[in-house]
N, C-alpha and C. Protein backbone atom coordinates (compact mmCIF):
# COMPACT_ATOMS: atom_id res chain seq x y z
N MET A 1 116.02 77.35 91.36
CA MET A 1 116.33 78.64 91.94
C MET A 1 115.48 79.71 91.25
N PHE A 2 115.00 80.66 92.04
CA PHE A 2 114.28 81.81 91.52
C PHE A 2 115.19 83.03 91.59
N ARG A 3 115.03 83.91 90.61
CA ARG A 3 115.75 85.18 90.62
C ARG A 3 114.73 86.32 90.64
N LYS A 4 115.10 87.38 91.33
CA LYS A 4 114.27 88.59 91.37
C LYS A 4 114.67 89.44 90.17
N MET A 5 113.74 89.61 89.24
CA MET A 5 114.04 90.28 87.97
C MET A 5 113.16 91.52 87.81
N LEU A 6 113.69 92.51 87.12
CA LEU A 6 112.88 93.67 86.75
C LEU A 6 111.76 93.17 85.84
N ARG A 7 110.53 93.49 86.22
CA ARG A 7 109.38 93.12 85.41
C ARG A 7 108.92 94.30 84.59
N SER A 8 108.81 95.46 85.23
CA SER A 8 108.40 96.66 84.53
C SER A 8 108.83 97.90 85.29
N LYS A 9 108.83 99.03 84.55
CA LYS A 9 109.30 100.28 85.15
C LYS A 9 108.62 101.44 84.45
N ILE A 10 108.26 102.45 85.24
CA ILE A 10 107.81 103.74 84.70
C ILE A 10 108.95 104.70 84.97
N HIS A 11 109.52 105.26 83.91
CA HIS A 11 110.74 106.06 84.02
C HIS A 11 110.44 107.55 83.87
N ARG A 12 110.91 108.32 84.84
CA ARG A 12 110.84 109.79 84.83
C ARG A 12 109.41 110.33 84.85
N ALA A 13 108.57 109.73 85.66
CA ALA A 13 107.25 110.30 85.92
C ALA A 13 107.43 111.49 86.86
N THR A 14 106.48 112.40 86.84
CA THR A 14 106.53 113.59 87.69
C THR A 14 105.48 113.49 88.78
N ILE A 15 105.90 113.69 90.03
CA ILE A 15 104.95 113.67 91.14
C ILE A 15 104.03 114.87 91.02
N THR A 16 102.71 114.60 91.06
CA THR A 16 101.72 115.67 90.93
C THR A 16 101.12 116.07 92.27
N GLN A 17 101.18 115.18 93.25
CA GLN A 17 100.63 115.52 94.56
C GLN A 17 101.22 114.63 95.64
N CYS A 18 101.21 115.15 96.86
CA CYS A 18 101.66 114.41 98.05
C CYS A 18 100.61 114.60 99.13
N ASP A 19 100.23 113.50 99.80
CA ASP A 19 99.22 113.57 100.84
C ASP A 19 99.66 112.72 102.03
N PRO A 20 100.38 113.31 102.99
CA PRO A 20 100.88 112.53 104.13
C PRO A 20 99.78 112.01 105.04
N ASP A 21 98.57 112.57 104.97
CA ASP A 21 97.48 112.13 105.83
C ASP A 21 96.71 110.94 105.26
N TYR A 22 97.02 110.54 104.03
CA TYR A 22 96.36 109.39 103.43
C TYR A 22 96.94 108.11 104.04
N VAL A 23 96.22 107.02 103.94
CA VAL A 23 96.61 105.77 104.59
C VAL A 23 97.92 105.20 104.04
N GLY A 24 98.32 105.52 102.86
CA GLY A 24 99.58 105.03 102.31
C GLY A 24 99.45 104.64 100.86
N SER A 25 100.54 104.52 100.14
CA SER A 25 100.57 104.02 98.77
C SER A 25 101.01 105.08 97.77
N ILE A 26 100.97 104.69 96.48
CA ILE A 26 101.21 105.63 95.39
C ILE A 26 100.06 105.48 94.39
N THR A 27 99.45 106.59 94.03
CA THR A 27 98.37 106.60 93.05
C THR A 27 98.99 106.86 91.69
N ILE A 28 98.68 105.99 90.71
CA ILE A 28 99.28 106.09 89.37
C ILE A 28 98.17 106.04 88.33
N ASP A 29 98.24 106.95 87.36
CA ASP A 29 97.31 106.99 86.24
C ASP A 29 97.15 105.57 85.65
N ALA A 30 95.91 105.14 85.47
CA ALA A 30 95.62 103.79 84.98
C ALA A 30 96.22 103.53 83.59
N ASP A 31 96.37 104.57 82.76
CA ASP A 31 96.99 104.37 81.44
C ASP A 31 98.44 103.93 81.58
N LEU A 32 99.17 104.51 82.52
CA LEU A 32 100.56 104.09 82.76
C LEU A 32 100.59 102.66 83.31
N LEU A 33 99.68 102.35 84.24
CA LEU A 33 99.64 101.00 84.79
C LEU A 33 99.39 99.97 83.70
N ARG A 34 98.45 100.25 82.84
CA ARG A 34 98.12 99.33 81.75
C ARG A 34 99.32 99.13 80.82
N ALA A 35 100.01 100.21 80.49
CA ALA A 35 101.13 100.14 79.55
C ALA A 35 102.27 99.27 80.05
N CYS A 36 102.48 99.23 81.37
CA CYS A 36 103.60 98.46 81.91
C CYS A 36 103.14 97.25 82.72
N ASP A 37 101.84 96.97 82.74
CA ASP A 37 101.28 95.80 83.42
C ASP A 37 101.61 95.78 84.91
N ILE A 38 101.46 96.92 85.56
CA ILE A 38 101.51 96.97 87.02
C ILE A 38 100.07 97.05 87.50
N ARG A 39 99.73 96.27 88.52
CA ARG A 39 98.35 96.16 88.99
C ARG A 39 98.13 96.94 90.28
N PRO A 40 96.89 97.40 90.50
CA PRO A 40 96.55 97.97 91.80
C PRO A 40 96.86 96.94 92.89
N ASN A 41 97.35 97.43 94.01
CA ASN A 41 97.76 96.64 95.18
C ASN A 41 99.10 95.94 95.02
N GLU A 42 99.73 96.05 93.86
CA GLU A 42 101.04 95.42 93.65
C GLU A 42 102.13 96.28 94.30
N ALA A 43 103.14 95.61 94.85
CA ALA A 43 104.26 96.31 95.47
C ALA A 43 105.17 96.92 94.40
N VAL A 44 105.63 98.14 94.66
CA VAL A 44 106.57 98.82 93.78
C VAL A 44 107.63 99.53 94.62
N HIS A 45 108.78 99.75 94.02
CA HIS A 45 109.81 100.60 94.61
C HIS A 45 109.74 101.94 93.90
N VAL A 46 109.89 103.01 94.66
CA VAL A 46 109.86 104.36 94.11
C VAL A 46 111.23 104.99 94.37
N LEU A 47 111.84 105.51 93.31
CA LEU A 47 113.18 106.10 93.39
C LEU A 47 113.08 107.56 92.96
N ASP A 48 113.38 108.48 93.86
CA ASP A 48 113.29 109.90 93.58
C ASP A 48 114.59 110.36 92.93
N ILE A 49 114.50 110.83 91.70
CA ILE A 49 115.68 111.28 90.95
C ILE A 49 116.24 112.56 91.55
N ASP A 50 115.38 113.42 92.11
CA ASP A 50 115.80 114.72 92.61
C ASP A 50 116.53 114.66 93.94
N ASN A 51 116.14 113.74 94.83
CA ASN A 51 116.79 113.73 96.15
C ASN A 51 117.31 112.37 96.59
N ALA A 52 117.23 111.37 95.72
CA ALA A 52 117.76 110.02 95.96
C ALA A 52 116.98 109.22 97.00
N ALA A 53 115.82 109.71 97.45
CA ALA A 53 114.99 108.91 98.36
C ALA A 53 114.51 107.66 97.65
N ARG A 54 114.42 106.56 98.40
CA ARG A 54 113.94 105.29 97.86
C ARG A 54 113.00 104.67 98.89
N PHE A 55 111.87 104.16 98.41
CA PHE A 55 110.94 103.49 99.33
C PHE A 55 110.10 102.48 98.57
N GLU A 56 109.51 101.58 99.32
CA GLU A 56 108.60 100.59 98.76
C GLU A 56 107.19 100.89 99.25
N THR A 57 106.22 100.71 98.36
CA THR A 57 104.82 100.91 98.70
C THR A 57 103.98 100.05 97.78
N TYR A 58 102.67 100.29 97.77
CA TYR A 58 101.78 99.55 96.87
C TYR A 58 101.00 100.56 96.03
N VAL A 59 100.43 100.05 94.94
CA VAL A 59 99.80 100.90 93.93
C VAL A 59 98.30 101.03 94.16
N ILE A 60 97.82 102.26 93.94
CA ILE A 60 96.39 102.55 93.83
C ILE A 60 96.16 103.05 92.40
N ARG A 61 95.12 102.56 91.76
CA ARG A 61 94.79 102.97 90.40
C ARG A 61 94.23 104.38 90.40
N GLY A 62 94.85 105.26 89.61
CA GLY A 62 94.35 106.62 89.42
C GLY A 62 93.51 106.69 88.16
N GLU A 63 92.77 107.75 88.03
CA GLU A 63 91.91 107.95 86.87
C GLU A 63 92.73 107.94 85.58
N ALA A 64 92.27 107.17 84.59
CA ALA A 64 92.95 107.12 83.30
C ALA A 64 92.96 108.49 82.65
N GLY A 65 94.11 108.88 82.11
CA GLY A 65 94.25 110.16 81.43
C GLY A 65 94.46 111.35 82.35
N SER A 66 94.45 111.11 83.65
CA SER A 66 94.60 112.21 84.61
C SER A 66 96.05 112.67 84.78
N GLY A 67 96.99 111.79 84.49
CA GLY A 67 98.40 112.11 84.70
C GLY A 67 98.81 112.08 86.16
N ILE A 68 97.95 111.56 87.02
CA ILE A 68 98.26 111.57 88.46
C ILE A 68 99.39 110.62 88.82
N ILE A 69 100.30 111.14 89.59
CA ILE A 69 101.31 110.36 90.31
C ILE A 69 101.31 110.96 91.72
N GLY A 70 100.57 110.33 92.62
CA GLY A 70 100.40 110.87 93.96
C GLY A 70 101.02 109.98 95.00
N VAL A 71 101.93 110.53 95.78
CA VAL A 71 102.56 109.78 96.85
C VAL A 71 101.81 110.08 98.14
N ASN A 72 101.40 109.01 98.81
CA ASN A 72 100.52 109.13 99.97
C ASN A 72 101.18 108.57 101.22
N GLY A 73 100.63 108.95 102.38
CA GLY A 73 101.12 108.43 103.65
C GLY A 73 102.49 108.99 104.01
N ALA A 74 103.18 108.29 104.87
CA ALA A 74 104.48 108.76 105.37
C ALA A 74 105.48 109.04 104.25
N ALA A 75 105.44 108.25 103.17
CA ALA A 75 106.38 108.45 102.06
C ALA A 75 106.23 109.81 101.41
N ALA A 76 105.06 110.44 101.57
CA ALA A 76 104.85 111.77 101.00
C ALA A 76 105.83 112.80 101.57
N LYS A 77 106.40 112.50 102.73
CA LYS A 77 107.38 113.41 103.33
C LYS A 77 108.79 113.23 102.76
N LEU A 78 108.96 112.20 101.91
CA LEU A 78 110.26 111.93 101.30
C LEU A 78 110.42 112.59 99.93
N VAL A 79 109.31 113.05 99.35
CA VAL A 79 109.30 113.56 97.98
C VAL A 79 108.51 114.87 97.94
N ALA A 80 108.40 115.45 96.76
CA ALA A 80 107.63 116.70 96.62
C ALA A 80 107.04 116.77 95.22
N PRO A 81 105.91 117.46 95.06
CA PRO A 81 105.36 117.67 93.71
C PRO A 81 106.42 118.28 92.81
N GLY A 82 106.47 117.79 91.59
CA GLY A 82 107.47 118.26 90.63
C GLY A 82 108.69 117.38 90.56
N HIS A 83 108.95 116.57 91.59
CA HIS A 83 110.09 115.66 91.55
C HIS A 83 109.88 114.61 90.47
N LYS A 84 110.97 114.24 89.83
CA LYS A 84 110.97 113.14 88.86
C LYS A 84 111.26 111.85 89.62
N ILE A 85 110.52 110.79 89.28
CA ILE A 85 110.72 109.52 89.95
C ILE A 85 110.76 108.38 88.94
N ILE A 86 111.26 107.25 89.42
CA ILE A 86 111.24 105.99 88.69
C ILE A 86 110.44 105.03 89.56
N ILE A 87 109.48 104.35 88.97
CA ILE A 87 108.66 103.38 89.67
C ILE A 87 109.03 102.01 89.13
N VAL A 88 109.50 101.12 90.01
CA VAL A 88 110.04 99.83 89.59
C VAL A 88 109.23 98.69 90.19
N CYS A 89 108.95 97.69 89.36
CA CYS A 89 108.23 96.50 89.80
C CYS A 89 109.07 95.27 89.46
N TYR A 90 109.33 94.44 90.45
CA TYR A 90 110.11 93.22 90.27
C TYR A 90 109.21 92.00 90.33
N GLY A 91 109.71 90.88 89.82
CA GLY A 91 109.00 89.61 89.92
C GLY A 91 109.99 88.49 90.11
N LEU A 92 109.54 87.41 90.73
CA LEU A 92 110.37 86.23 90.90
C LEU A 92 110.18 85.33 89.68
N MET A 93 111.30 84.82 89.17
CA MET A 93 111.26 84.04 87.95
C MET A 93 112.14 82.80 88.08
N PRO A 94 111.63 81.64 87.63
CA PRO A 94 112.48 80.45 87.64
C PRO A 94 113.66 80.63 86.69
N GLN A 95 114.79 80.12 87.07
CA GLN A 95 116.03 80.23 86.29
C GLN A 95 115.81 79.87 84.82
N GLN A 96 115.05 78.81 84.55
CA GLN A 96 114.89 78.33 83.17
C GLN A 96 114.08 79.29 82.29
N ASP A 97 113.38 80.27 82.87
CA ASP A 97 112.58 81.20 82.08
C ASP A 97 113.28 82.52 81.79
N ILE A 98 114.44 82.73 82.34
CA ILE A 98 115.08 84.05 82.25
C ILE A 98 115.48 84.41 80.82
N ASP A 99 115.95 83.46 80.04
CA ASP A 99 116.36 83.79 78.67
C ASP A 99 115.20 84.29 77.81
N ASP A 100 113.98 83.95 78.17
CA ASP A 100 112.80 84.40 77.42
C ASP A 100 112.16 85.65 78.01
N HIS A 101 112.71 86.14 79.12
CA HIS A 101 112.10 87.27 79.82
C HIS A 101 112.45 88.60 79.17
N GLU A 102 111.44 89.47 79.09
CA GLU A 102 111.65 90.85 78.68
C GLU A 102 110.97 91.77 79.68
N ALA A 103 111.68 92.77 80.13
CA ALA A 103 111.13 93.79 81.02
C ALA A 103 110.50 94.89 80.17
N THR A 104 109.41 95.45 80.65
CA THR A 104 108.73 96.54 79.95
C THR A 104 109.07 97.86 80.64
N ILE A 105 109.57 98.80 79.87
CA ILE A 105 109.96 100.12 80.37
C ILE A 105 109.06 101.16 79.70
N VAL A 106 108.32 101.92 80.51
CA VAL A 106 107.48 102.98 79.98
C VAL A 106 108.16 104.31 80.30
N LEU A 107 108.47 105.06 79.26
CA LEU A 107 109.03 106.39 79.43
C LEU A 107 107.86 107.37 79.50
N ALA A 108 107.70 108.03 80.64
CA ALA A 108 106.61 108.98 80.82
C ALA A 108 106.99 110.32 80.20
N ASP A 109 106.01 110.98 79.60
CA ASP A 109 106.28 112.32 79.08
C ASP A 109 106.03 113.36 80.19
N GLU A 110 106.09 114.62 79.85
CA GLU A 110 105.96 115.69 80.86
C GLU A 110 104.58 115.76 81.51
N GLN A 111 103.57 115.17 80.88
CA GLN A 111 102.22 115.15 81.45
C GLN A 111 101.89 113.79 82.08
N ASN A 112 102.92 112.97 82.31
CA ASN A 112 102.73 111.62 82.85
C ASN A 112 101.85 110.76 81.96
N ARG A 113 102.03 110.92 80.68
CA ARG A 113 101.38 110.04 79.71
C ARG A 113 102.44 109.10 79.16
N VAL A 114 101.98 108.03 78.51
CA VAL A 114 102.90 107.08 77.92
C VAL A 114 103.62 107.75 76.76
N GLY A 115 104.93 107.96 76.92
CA GLY A 115 105.73 108.57 75.87
C GLY A 115 106.25 107.53 74.90
N LYS A 116 106.87 106.50 75.45
CA LYS A 116 107.46 105.44 74.63
C LYS A 116 107.50 104.18 75.49
N ILE A 117 107.36 103.04 74.84
CA ILE A 117 107.45 101.75 75.54
C ILE A 117 108.64 100.98 74.97
N LEU A 118 109.53 100.54 75.86
CA LEU A 118 110.70 99.77 75.47
C LEU A 118 110.61 98.38 76.08
N GLN A 119 111.23 97.41 75.44
CA GLN A 119 111.33 96.04 75.96
C GLN A 119 112.82 95.70 76.06
N TYR A 120 113.27 95.28 77.24
CA TYR A 120 114.65 94.88 77.43
C TYR A 120 114.70 93.41 77.79
N ASN A 121 115.44 92.63 76.99
CA ASN A 121 115.55 91.21 77.30
C ASN A 121 116.56 90.98 78.41
N SER A 122 116.59 89.77 78.91
CA SER A 122 117.47 89.42 80.04
C SER A 122 118.63 88.54 79.63
N LEU A 123 119.00 88.60 78.36
CA LEU A 123 120.11 87.78 77.86
C LEU A 123 121.45 88.42 78.19
N ILE A 124 122.40 87.59 78.58
CA ILE A 124 123.77 88.09 78.78
C ILE A 124 124.42 88.35 77.44
N ASP A 125 124.26 87.43 76.51
CA ASP A 125 124.81 87.59 75.17
C ASP A 125 123.69 87.89 74.20
N ASP A 126 123.53 89.17 73.88
CA ASP A 126 122.46 89.61 72.99
C ASP A 126 123.10 90.20 71.74
N PRO A 127 123.12 89.44 70.64
CA PRO A 127 123.79 89.93 69.43
C PRO A 127 123.14 91.18 68.85
N ALA A 128 121.88 91.44 69.18
CA ALA A 128 121.19 92.61 68.64
C ALA A 128 121.34 93.85 69.50
N GLY A 129 121.94 93.76 70.64
CA GLY A 129 122.08 94.90 71.53
C GLY A 129 121.33 94.69 72.83
N VAL A 130 120.82 95.76 73.44
CA VAL A 130 120.17 95.68 74.75
C VAL A 130 118.66 95.68 74.64
N GLY A 131 118.13 94.86 73.80
CA GLY A 131 116.68 94.77 73.70
C GLY A 131 116.16 95.46 72.47
N LYS A 132 114.85 95.74 72.49
CA LYS A 132 114.19 96.33 71.31
C LYS A 132 113.74 97.72 71.62
């Protein structure tokens, strides 16, 4: 059996631009992508903290150090510049690998730079707490 598990997440990034006329996707600063191992063209879920909108799209690599978080295409009408969002990436994992799995959480700062990186394990019984 495979389980759909959180693989990585960018938490509280700020939308810097919206372009409804673009073909679609979300543009993310390459430094954030590298920190959480999300790849261009990979599917992600986007959760808007300000208005509760949720949608799925794919990633376009933005210029490293630019701080860009740009929502493109029809989804641009669901959000607005300045909104805080969570970008979530899931992966399928065989049951036997789950105890060794750790999700990577990148906390974005106010300029959409890597603020802090957390690792959360997938253990039900974790004597050390909820990860590192």
